Structure formats: structure tokens, C-alpha cells
Amino acid sequence: MKKIINHVDNLLDESLHGFAKAHQDIVSLHQHPTFIRRLAISEKPKVALISGGGAGHEPLHSGFVGKGMLDAACPGQIFTSPTPDQMLAAAESVENGAGVLFIVKNYAGDVMNFEIAAEMLECEHETVLVKDDVSLPETHSTGRRGVAGTLIVEKMVGAAAEQGKKLTECKALGDRVAKNTASMGFALSSCTVPAAGRPTFEIGDDEIEMGVGIHGERGREPMTMASAEELVQHVTAAIDKELDPQPGQQVLLHVNGFGATPLMELYLVYDLAAKFWQGKGVEIKRSLVGNFTTSLDMAGCSVTLTLLDDEMLKLWDAPVHSAALRWGS
């Protein structure tokens, strides 16, 4: 294992210190318990958005703390859920009179710990559960995983909260965005968790894992390495079957890298995915390409499609100022 670290036990803390220093105009780092919070808290009552999850997916979630997006993020150890005391402390730190909305990826540890924190929270609160990974059936024992579509939910609901929407409105919007979002990815390599010191799973030089998760989980099936066109066709067909976008439907198309895939390849994937849906008469109104929901040093990517309505489009375009997403004034 070759990684730029001092000691595996200190890696997360040292990384968070560096993140907070690099973006000290946007966020601050709270320790014991650990969370990242937004500096500029709204003067008026505003729904506070909180998310979190295991480290190793950067910039998700800490990179999305800022104006127009999250108010706080709770990072756990690598691929490990944050604890309820982190979530509770973060909520109490940023809540300012309009309630708290938790945005949670559908993983057992995340769901359980956010539920515990919510039970202890005394202010009004709601939860949006993101489960956009269509590589698993809805009937799967643990349900579908929350993956790159989480960013889409956080951005749109963050904009709504910034505009003064009420907690019930933000909750309904988050559920609507989540329902209209589907993702699927594939990996060319496994990732190496520093504490383990070796790849999470073995994969042959001529193999890929189709339908892989973001924690180094194996996919739903191994496949022989194929051309980009064949790989993307497999992913887009699964997403299309799930969402069934009709001709004229406006969509957001997001191609997300897992951490070790060059942008050159991600843009190739975007071109192929765009051609697939444009060939069906679907109108791609917005796009996002890059490494946003990563899996440490995994090579591979995911494709996410969100069916848009006029409100969702305006919320996506609304100003955001975080470490990882910035546009508008």
C-alpha cells in the first residue's frame, strides 16, 4: 500500500484539519464530537440541513457545507457511519428556529444512527432517505443504497431552505427529488482502505464489477472488460428502465468518478450517456461531471439521472458556495 499518510489512526483528523484550514472562509471544524459546520448561519430562521457518512467519499459530504447547501456534515471513520452524538451536536449547533432536516444515505449504520439522533433532538425535525442505486432491486434485504444522487438532493433542498421554505416543504421536495433520481456505477478496480492495507476485493485485469457500491462492495455481477460504449449502455439501460423518461422530459445528467478515473474518461462516459438519452428524445438541461461521491482510490464511475420539473431546475441553478460546488452570486 502506497498512501500519503502519517498513521492510519490519525488520517481522518489530519485531513479534516486541512480541509477546515483550506476553506476557513466557508466552514469551521468542531471536535469532540466531530462535525463540519457552515460559518454563515442565516440571520432569519432557516431549515438546517445536515448529512453525513463515512469518510472516503470526499467531497461528499463536508465539501457541500456552505451557502445554498448543507449547514453541517458529520464524517465518520472511513466507510463507517458517524455516531449519534456527532449528529445531535451538529443539529444543535446549526438549528436556528425552523427545524432540522437530515439527509441520509440508505445504509444500515447511517439510518440507525440518524434515527437515534433524531429521537434525542428536541426541535422539529424530518428525514429524507436517499436510495438511488438501481443496481439492487427494491426488494433487496437492506434496500437500495444511497450513492451519487445524494448530492442532487442536497443541492436542491439546500437551495429551497436558503429561500426560506418550511421544513415540511423541504422534506416533500427532498422525497420528490430522491424518487426521481436513479444511479448505477461500475468499477475497474477495488479500493484500498488504509486500515486494511490491501484492496477490498480482488478483480482480474480483464474484469470489471458492474453495479458496485461506494464502500468498496462488490457489484451485482462481474463482467469481462468491454468498450466504454458497452459499459455505458449497460448502466444507462438500467437507469432508463427504472425512471422511464418520456420524449421531451427535462433531465439532469451527472457522471461521477470514484476517485481514480481521469476526467478524460468521465467526459467520454458523459458523451455516451447523453447520446443514449438524446436518442430517446430526452432533453438534457443540466450536467455535472467530476469526482463528487468517491470511494477512496477506486477506478470507475457512476451515472445519475434526475427527472426535472421547473421548480427543481430553478433550485439546481440557485447560487451555491461550498468547497466543492460553487456557482451564482
Protein backbone atom coordinates (compact mmCIF):
# COMPACT_ATOMS: atom_id res chain seq x y z
CA MET A 1 0.00 0.00 0.00
CA LYS A 2 1.32 3.41 -1.01
CA LYS A 3 -0.58 6.31 0.52
CA ILE A 4 0.40 9.79 1.67
CA ILE A 5 -0.29 9.33 5.37
CA ASN A 6 1.47 9.60 8.73
CA HIS A 7 -0.51 7.00 10.65
CA VAL A 8 -3.80 5.36 9.75
CA ASP A 9 -5.29 6.24 13.14
CA ASN A 10 -4.75 9.98 12.57
CA LEU A 11 -5.61 10.19 8.89
CA LEU A 12 -9.20 11.45 9.21
CA ASP A 13 -8.43 14.05 11.89
CA GLU A 14 -5.45 15.42 9.97
CA SER A 15 -7.43 15.52 6.74
CA LEU A 16 -10.32 17.39 8.39
CA HIS A 17 -7.91 19.93 9.87
CA GLY A 18 -6.50 20.54 6.40
CA PHE A 19 -9.99 20.81 4.89
CA ALA A 20 -11.09 23.35 7.51
CA LYS A 21 -7.93 25.44 7.01
CA ALA A 22 -8.26 25.39 3.23
CA HIS A 23 -11.89 26.57 3.41
CA GLN A 24 -11.87 28.66 6.56
CA ASP A 25 -13.94 31.34 4.82
CA ILE A 26 -16.82 28.85 4.46
CA VAL A 27 -16.65 26.26 7.26
CA SER A 28 -15.33 25.56 10.72
CA LEU A 29 -14.32 22.25 12.30
CA HIS A 30 -15.87 21.23 15.60
CA GLN A 31 -14.24 18.41 17.56
CA HIS A 32 -15.37 16.11 20.37
CA PRO A 33 -17.71 15.22 18.73
CA THR A 34 -16.54 15.90 15.19
CA PHE A 35 -18.56 17.77 12.59
CA ILE A 36 -18.07 20.43 9.93
CA ARG A 37 -20.42 23.40 10.16
CA ARG A 38 -21.20 26.34 7.96
CA LEU A 39 -19.82 29.68 9.17
CA ALA A 40 -22.53 31.97 7.75
CA ILE A 41 -25.68 30.92 9.60
CA SER A 42 -28.80 32.71 8.31
CA GLU A 43 -29.97 35.66 10.40
CA LYS A 44 -33.58 34.65 9.75
CA PRO A 45 -34.97 31.25 10.80
CA LYS A 46 -33.97 28.71 8.15
CA VAL A 47 -34.33 24.95 7.93
CA ALA A 48 -30.97 23.45 8.89
CA LEU A 49 -29.75 20.69 6.55
CA ILE A 50 -27.48 18.02 7.99
CA SER A 51 -25.96 15.00 6.31
CA GLY A 52 -23.03 12.71 6.91
CA GLY A 53 -21.50 9.32 6.43
CA GLY A 54 -18.20 7.51 6.50
CA ALA A 55 -15.10 9.27 5.22
CA GLY A 56 -13.58 8.15 1.94
CA HIS A 57 -16.30 9.66 -0.27
CA GLU A 58 -14.88 13.19 -0.41
CA PRO A 59 -16.04 15.77 -1.28
CA LEU A 60 -19.32 14.18 -0.09
CA HIS A 61 -20.47 15.43 2.46
CA SER A 62 -18.16 18.01 4.04
CA GLY A 63 -17.40 19.58 0.68
CA PHE A 64 -21.07 20.53 0.31
CA VAL A 65 -21.34 22.53 3.53
CA GLY A 66 -21.96 26.17 2.71
CA LYS A 67 -24.46 28.71 1.49
CA GLY A 68 -27.22 27.10 -0.58
CA MET A 69 -26.45 23.56 0.50
CA LEU A 70 -25.67 21.85 3.84
CA ASP A 71 -25.42 23.59 7.21
CA ALA A 72 -23.40 20.76 8.75
CA ALA A 73 -21.84 17.42 7.87
CA CYS A 74 -20.83 14.58 10.18
CA PRO A 75 -17.87 12.49 8.98
CA GLY A 76 -17.36 9.01 10.37
CA GLN A 77 -14.20 6.98 10.08
CA ILE A 78 -13.51 5.60 6.59
CA PHE A 79 -16.64 3.80 5.33
CA THR A 80 -18.06 3.86 8.87
CA SER A 81 -21.19 5.68 9.96
CA PRO A 82 -20.83 8.76 12.15
CA THR A 83 -22.20 8.40 15.65
CA PRO A 84 -25.49 9.77 17.01
CA ASP A 85 -23.67 12.23 19.30
CA GLN A 86 -21.99 13.78 16.25
CA MET A 87 -25.34 14.20 14.52
CA LEU A 88 -27.04 15.57 17.63
CA ALA A 89 -24.26 18.07 18.33
CA ALA A 90 -24.24 19.22 14.70
CA ALA A 91 -28.01 19.69 14.72
CA GLU A 92 -27.98 21.66 17.95
CA SER A 93 -25.13 23.82 16.66
CA VAL A 94 -26.82 24.97 13.43
CA GLU A 95 -30.56 24.85 14.21
CA ASN A 96 -31.93 28.40 14.31
CA GLY A 97 -35.65 28.23 14.71
CA ALA A 98 -37.02 26.49 11.60
CA GLY A 99 -36.22 22.86 12.37
CA VAL A 100 -33.71 20.31 11.12
CA LEU A 101 -33.77 18.12 8.02
CA PHE A 102 -31.49 15.09 7.98
CA ILE A 103 -30.45 13.81 4.53
CA VAL A 104 -29.44 10.18 4.93
CA LYS A 105 -27.97 7.62 2.53
CA ASN A 106 -29.68 4.24 2.83
CA TYR A 107 -27.06 2.23 4.70
CA ALA A 108 -27.98 0.37 7.88
CA GLY A 109 -25.49 2.17 10.13
CA ASP A 110 -26.31 5.63 8.82
CA VAL A 111 -30.05 5.06 9.09
CA MET A 112 -29.86 3.64 12.62
CA ASN A 113 -27.59 6.36 14.00
CA PHE A 114 -29.51 9.22 12.41
CA GLU A 115 -32.73 7.75 13.85
CA ILE A 116 -31.19 7.68 17.32
CA ALA A 117 -30.03 11.29 16.96
CA ALA A 118 -33.46 12.37 15.73
CA GLU A 119 -35.12 10.77 18.75
CA MET A 120 -32.88 12.80 21.07
CA LEU A 121 -33.35 16.07 19.20
CA GLU A 122 -35.85 18.38 20.89
CA CYS A 123 -36.60 20.69 17.96
CA GLU A 124 -38.85 19.90 14.98
CA HIS A 125 -37.13 17.58 12.51
CA GLU A 126 -37.62 15.41 9.43
CA THR A 127 -35.54 12.93 7.42
CA VAL A 128 -35.08 12.35 3.69
CA LEU A 129 -33.77 8.88 2.81
CA VAL A 130 -31.80 8.59 -0.43
CA LYS A 131 -31.74 5.18 -2.15
CA ASP A 132 -30.90 5.86 -5.78
CA ASP A 133 -28.70 2.85 -6.65
CA VAL A 134 -30.73 0.80 -9.12
CA SER A 135 -28.11 -1.95 -9.33
CA LEU A 136 -30.06 -3.55 -6.48
CA PRO A 137 -33.76 -4.43 -6.64
CA GLU A 138 -36.17 -2.54 -4.41
CA THR A 139 -36.91 -5.84 -2.70
CA HIS A 140 -33.28 -6.29 -1.61
CA SER A 141 -32.98 -7.19 2.09
CA THR A 142 -31.29 -3.91 3.01
CA GLY A 143 -32.98 -1.83 0.32
CA ARG A 144 -31.23 0.19 -2.34
CA ARG A 145 -28.08 2.08 -1.45
CA GLY A 146 -27.76 5.85 -1.41
CA VAL A 147 -24.98 6.92 -3.77
CA ALA A 148 -24.20 9.89 -6.05
CA GLY A 149 -27.84 11.00 -6.20
CA THR A 150 -27.40 12.24 -2.63
CA LEU A 151 -25.59 15.31 -3.96
CA ILE A 152 -28.58 16.18 -6.16
CA VAL A 153 -30.94 16.03 -3.17
CA GLU A 154 -28.60 18.11 -1.00
CA LYS A 155 -28.22 20.81 -3.65
CA MET A 156 -31.89 21.27 -4.48
CA VAL A 157 -33.16 21.05 -0.91
CA GLY A 158 -30.33 23.31 0.21
CA ALA A 159 -31.49 25.96 -2.26
CA ALA A 160 -35.08 25.63 -1.07
CA ALA A 161 -34.04 26.03 2.56
CA GLU A 162 -31.95 29.07 1.65
CA GLN A 163 -35.03 30.61 0.05
CA GLY A 164 -36.98 30.23 3.27
CA LYS A 165 -39.06 27.13 2.54
CA LYS A 166 -40.60 25.47 5.57
CA LEU A 167 -39.46 22.13 6.99
CA THR A 168 -42.46 20.25 5.59
CA GLU A 169 -41.83 21.77 2.15
CA CYS A 170 -38.13 20.85 2.23
CA LYS A 171 -38.98 17.30 3.29
CA ALA A 172 -41.54 16.90 0.48
CA LEU A 173 -39.08 18.32 -2.06
CA GLY A 174 -36.28 16.01 -0.89
CA ASP A 175 -38.52 12.98 -1.20
CA ARG A 176 -39.57 14.08 -4.71
CA VAL A 177 -36.00 14.61 -5.90
CA ALA A 178 -34.91 11.27 -4.43
CA LYS A 179 -37.81 9.46 -6.10
CA ASN A 180 -36.93 11.00 -9.48
CA THR A 181 -33.22 10.16 -9.27
CA ALA A 182 -31.50 6.90 -10.23
CA SER A 183 -27.84 5.91 -10.33
CA MET A 184 -25.65 2.98 -11.28
CA GLY A 185 -21.90 2.54 -11.44
CA PHE A 186 -19.11 0.14 -12.31
CA ALA A 187 -15.57 -0.32 -11.02
CA LEU A 188 -12.37 -1.20 -12.85
CA SER A 189 -10.50 -1.72 -9.60
CA SER A 190 -11.18 -2.12 -5.92
CA CYS A 191 -10.19 0.49 -3.36
CA THR A 192 -7.69 0.18 -0.51
CA VAL A 193 -8.88 1.15 2.97
CA PRO A 194 -5.74 2.37 4.80
CA ALA A 195 -6.52 0.39 7.96
CA ALA A 196 -6.77 -2.82 5.91
CA GLY A 197 -3.72 -2.13 3.77
CA ARG A 198 -4.96 -4.18 0.83
CA PRO A 199 -7.70 -3.97 -1.82
CA THR A 200 -11.19 -4.71 -0.53
CA PHE A 201 -11.80 -7.31 -3.23
CA GLU A 202 -9.81 -8.98 -5.97
CA ILE A 203 -10.56 -8.20 -9.58
CA GLY A 204 -8.85 -9.57 -12.66
CA ASP A 205 -7.07 -7.45 -15.24
CA ASP A 206 -9.79 -8.33 -17.74
CA GLU A 207 -12.74 -7.82 -15.36
CA ILE A 208 -14.98 -5.05 -14.08
CA GLU A 209 -17.58 -5.03 -11.30
CA MET A 210 -20.96 -3.85 -12.58
CA GLY A 211 -23.30 -2.21 -10.08
CA VAL A 212 -20.62 -1.56 -7.48
CA GLY A 213 -21.29 0.35 -4.24
CA ILE A 214 -19.30 3.27 -2.85
CA HIS A 215 -17.81 1.40 0.13
CA GLY A 216 -15.71 -0.98 -1.88
CA GLU A 217 -18.53 -3.51 -2.07
CA ARG A 218 -18.55 -5.88 -4.96
CA GLY A 219 -21.06 -5.14 -7.68
CA ARG A 220 -24.12 -7.11 -8.59
CA GLU A 221 -22.11 -9.06 -11.16
CA PRO A 222 -18.55 -9.34 -12.51
CA MET A 223 -18.21 -8.74 -16.24
CA THR A 224 -15.47 -9.06 -18.79
CA MET A 225 -13.84 -5.72 -19.53
CA ALA A 226 -15.53 -4.16 -22.55
CA SER A 227 -15.53 -0.93 -24.54
CA ALA A 228 -16.78 2.28 -22.94
CA GLU A 229 -19.82 2.16 -25.20
CA GLU A 230 -20.80 -1.31 -23.98
CA LEU A 231 -20.25 -0.44 -20.31
CA VAL A 232 -22.27 2.77 -20.52
CA GLN A 233 -25.04 1.05 -22.43
CA HIS A 234 -25.40 -1.45 -19.59
CA VAL A 235 -25.71 1.34 -16.99
CA THR A 236 -27.95 3.71 -18.94
CA ALA A 237 -30.35 0.92 -19.90
CA ALA A 238 -30.84 0.02 -16.22
CA ILE A 239 -31.45 3.65 -15.22
CA ASP A 240 -33.76 4.22 -18.16
CA LYS A 241 -35.84 1.17 -17.25
CA GLU A 242 -36.20 2.50 -13.70
CA LEU A 243 -37.14 6.13 -14.44
CA ASP A 244 -38.71 5.64 -17.88
CA PRO A 245 -38.18 9.24 -19.06
CA GLN A 246 -40.52 10.18 -21.89
CA PRO A 247 -39.61 12.21 -25.01
CA GLY A 248 -39.41 15.88 -24.08
CA GLN A 249 -38.65 15.14 -20.41
CA GLN A 250 -36.04 17.52 -18.99
CA VAL A 251 -33.25 15.86 -17.01
CA LEU A 252 -30.03 16.45 -15.13
CA LEU A 253 -27.21 14.08 -16.12
CA HIS A 254 -24.42 13.53 -13.59
CA VAL A 255 -21.31 11.44 -14.26
CA ASN A 256 -19.41 10.82 -11.05
CA GLY A 257 -15.88 9.48 -10.70
CA PHE A 258 -14.94 7.11 -7.88
CA GLY A 259 -11.59 8.78 -7.20
CA ALA A 260 -9.06 7.29 -9.62
CA THR A 261 -10.62 7.84 -13.04
CA PRO A 262 -9.29 10.66 -15.26
CA LEU A 263 -11.67 13.40 -16.35
CA MET A 264 -10.89 12.45 -19.94
CA GLU A 265 -12.66 9.13 -19.38
CA LEU A 266 -15.52 10.67 -17.36
CA TYR A 267 -16.33 13.07 -20.19
CA LEU A 268 -16.31 10.16 -22.63
CA VAL A 269 -18.86 8.42 -20.40
CA TYR A 270 -20.93 11.61 -20.32
CA ASP A 271 -20.92 11.85 -24.12
CA LEU A 272 -22.10 8.26 -24.48
CA ALA A 273 -24.79 8.60 -21.80
CA ALA A 274 -26.02 11.87 -23.31
CA LYS A 275 -26.27 10.29 -26.76
CA PHE A 276 -28.29 7.41 -25.30
CA TRP A 277 -30.98 9.64 -23.80
CA GLN A 278 -30.94 12.25 -26.56
CA GLY A 279 -31.62 9.39 -28.96
CA LYS A 280 -34.82 8.77 -26.99
CA GLY A 281 -35.89 12.40 -27.23
CA VAL A 282 -34.96 13.24 -23.64
CA GLU A 283 -33.79 16.85 -23.12
CA ILE A 284 -30.61 17.15 -21.05
CA LYS A 285 -30.94 20.57 -19.41
CA ARG A 286 -28.13 20.40 -16.85
CA SER A 287 -24.96 18.38 -16.31
CA LEU A 288 -22.33 17.68 -13.68
CA VAL A 289 -19.12 15.74 -14.36
CA GLY A 290 -16.31 15.02 -11.91
CA ASN A 291 -15.34 13.31 -8.68
CA PHE A 292 -18.08 14.16 -6.16
CA THR A 293 -19.04 10.87 -4.45
CA THR A 294 -15.82 8.90 -4.38
CA SER A 295 -14.65 5.58 -2.99
CA LEU A 296 -11.09 6.41 -1.98
CA ASP A 297 -8.83 5.28 -4.85
CA MET A 298 -11.32 3.15 -6.76
CA ALA A 299 -11.20 3.37 -10.55
CA GLY A 300 -14.61 3.58 -12.18
CA CYS A 301 -17.63 5.84 -12.27
CA SER A 302 -21.37 6.10 -11.90
CA VAL A 303 -24.10 7.68 -13.97
CA THR A 304 -27.01 9.51 -12.31
CA LEU A 305 -30.16 10.77 -14.00
CA THR A 306 -32.70 13.10 -12.36
CA LEU A 307 -36.07 13.86 -13.91
CA LEU A 308 -36.57 17.62 -13.62
CA ASP A 309 -39.59 19.85 -13.23
CA ASP A 310 -39.48 23.66 -13.41
CA GLU A 311 -39.02 24.08 -9.66
CA MET A 312 -36.19 21.55 -9.46
CA LEU A 313 -34.41 23.21 -12.39
CA LYS A 314 -34.55 26.62 -10.70
CA LEU A 315 -33.31 25.15 -7.42
CA TRP A 316 -30.37 23.47 -9.17
CA ASP A 317 -29.45 26.81 -10.76
CA ALA A 318 -29.76 28.73 -7.47
CA PRO A 319 -26.48 30.11 -6.04
CA VAL A 320 -24.29 27.75 -4.03
CA HIS A 321 -20.99 28.44 -2.29
CA SER A 322 -19.33 25.39 -0.80
CA ALA A 323 -15.86 23.88 -1.08
CA ALA A 324 -16.86 21.53 -3.88
CA LEU A 325 -19.80 23.27 -5.63
CA ARG A 326 -19.82 26.97 -6.46
CA TRP A 327 -21.94 28.96 -8.87
CA GLY A 328 -24.18 32.01 -8.92
CA SER A 329 -23.63 35.19 -6.93
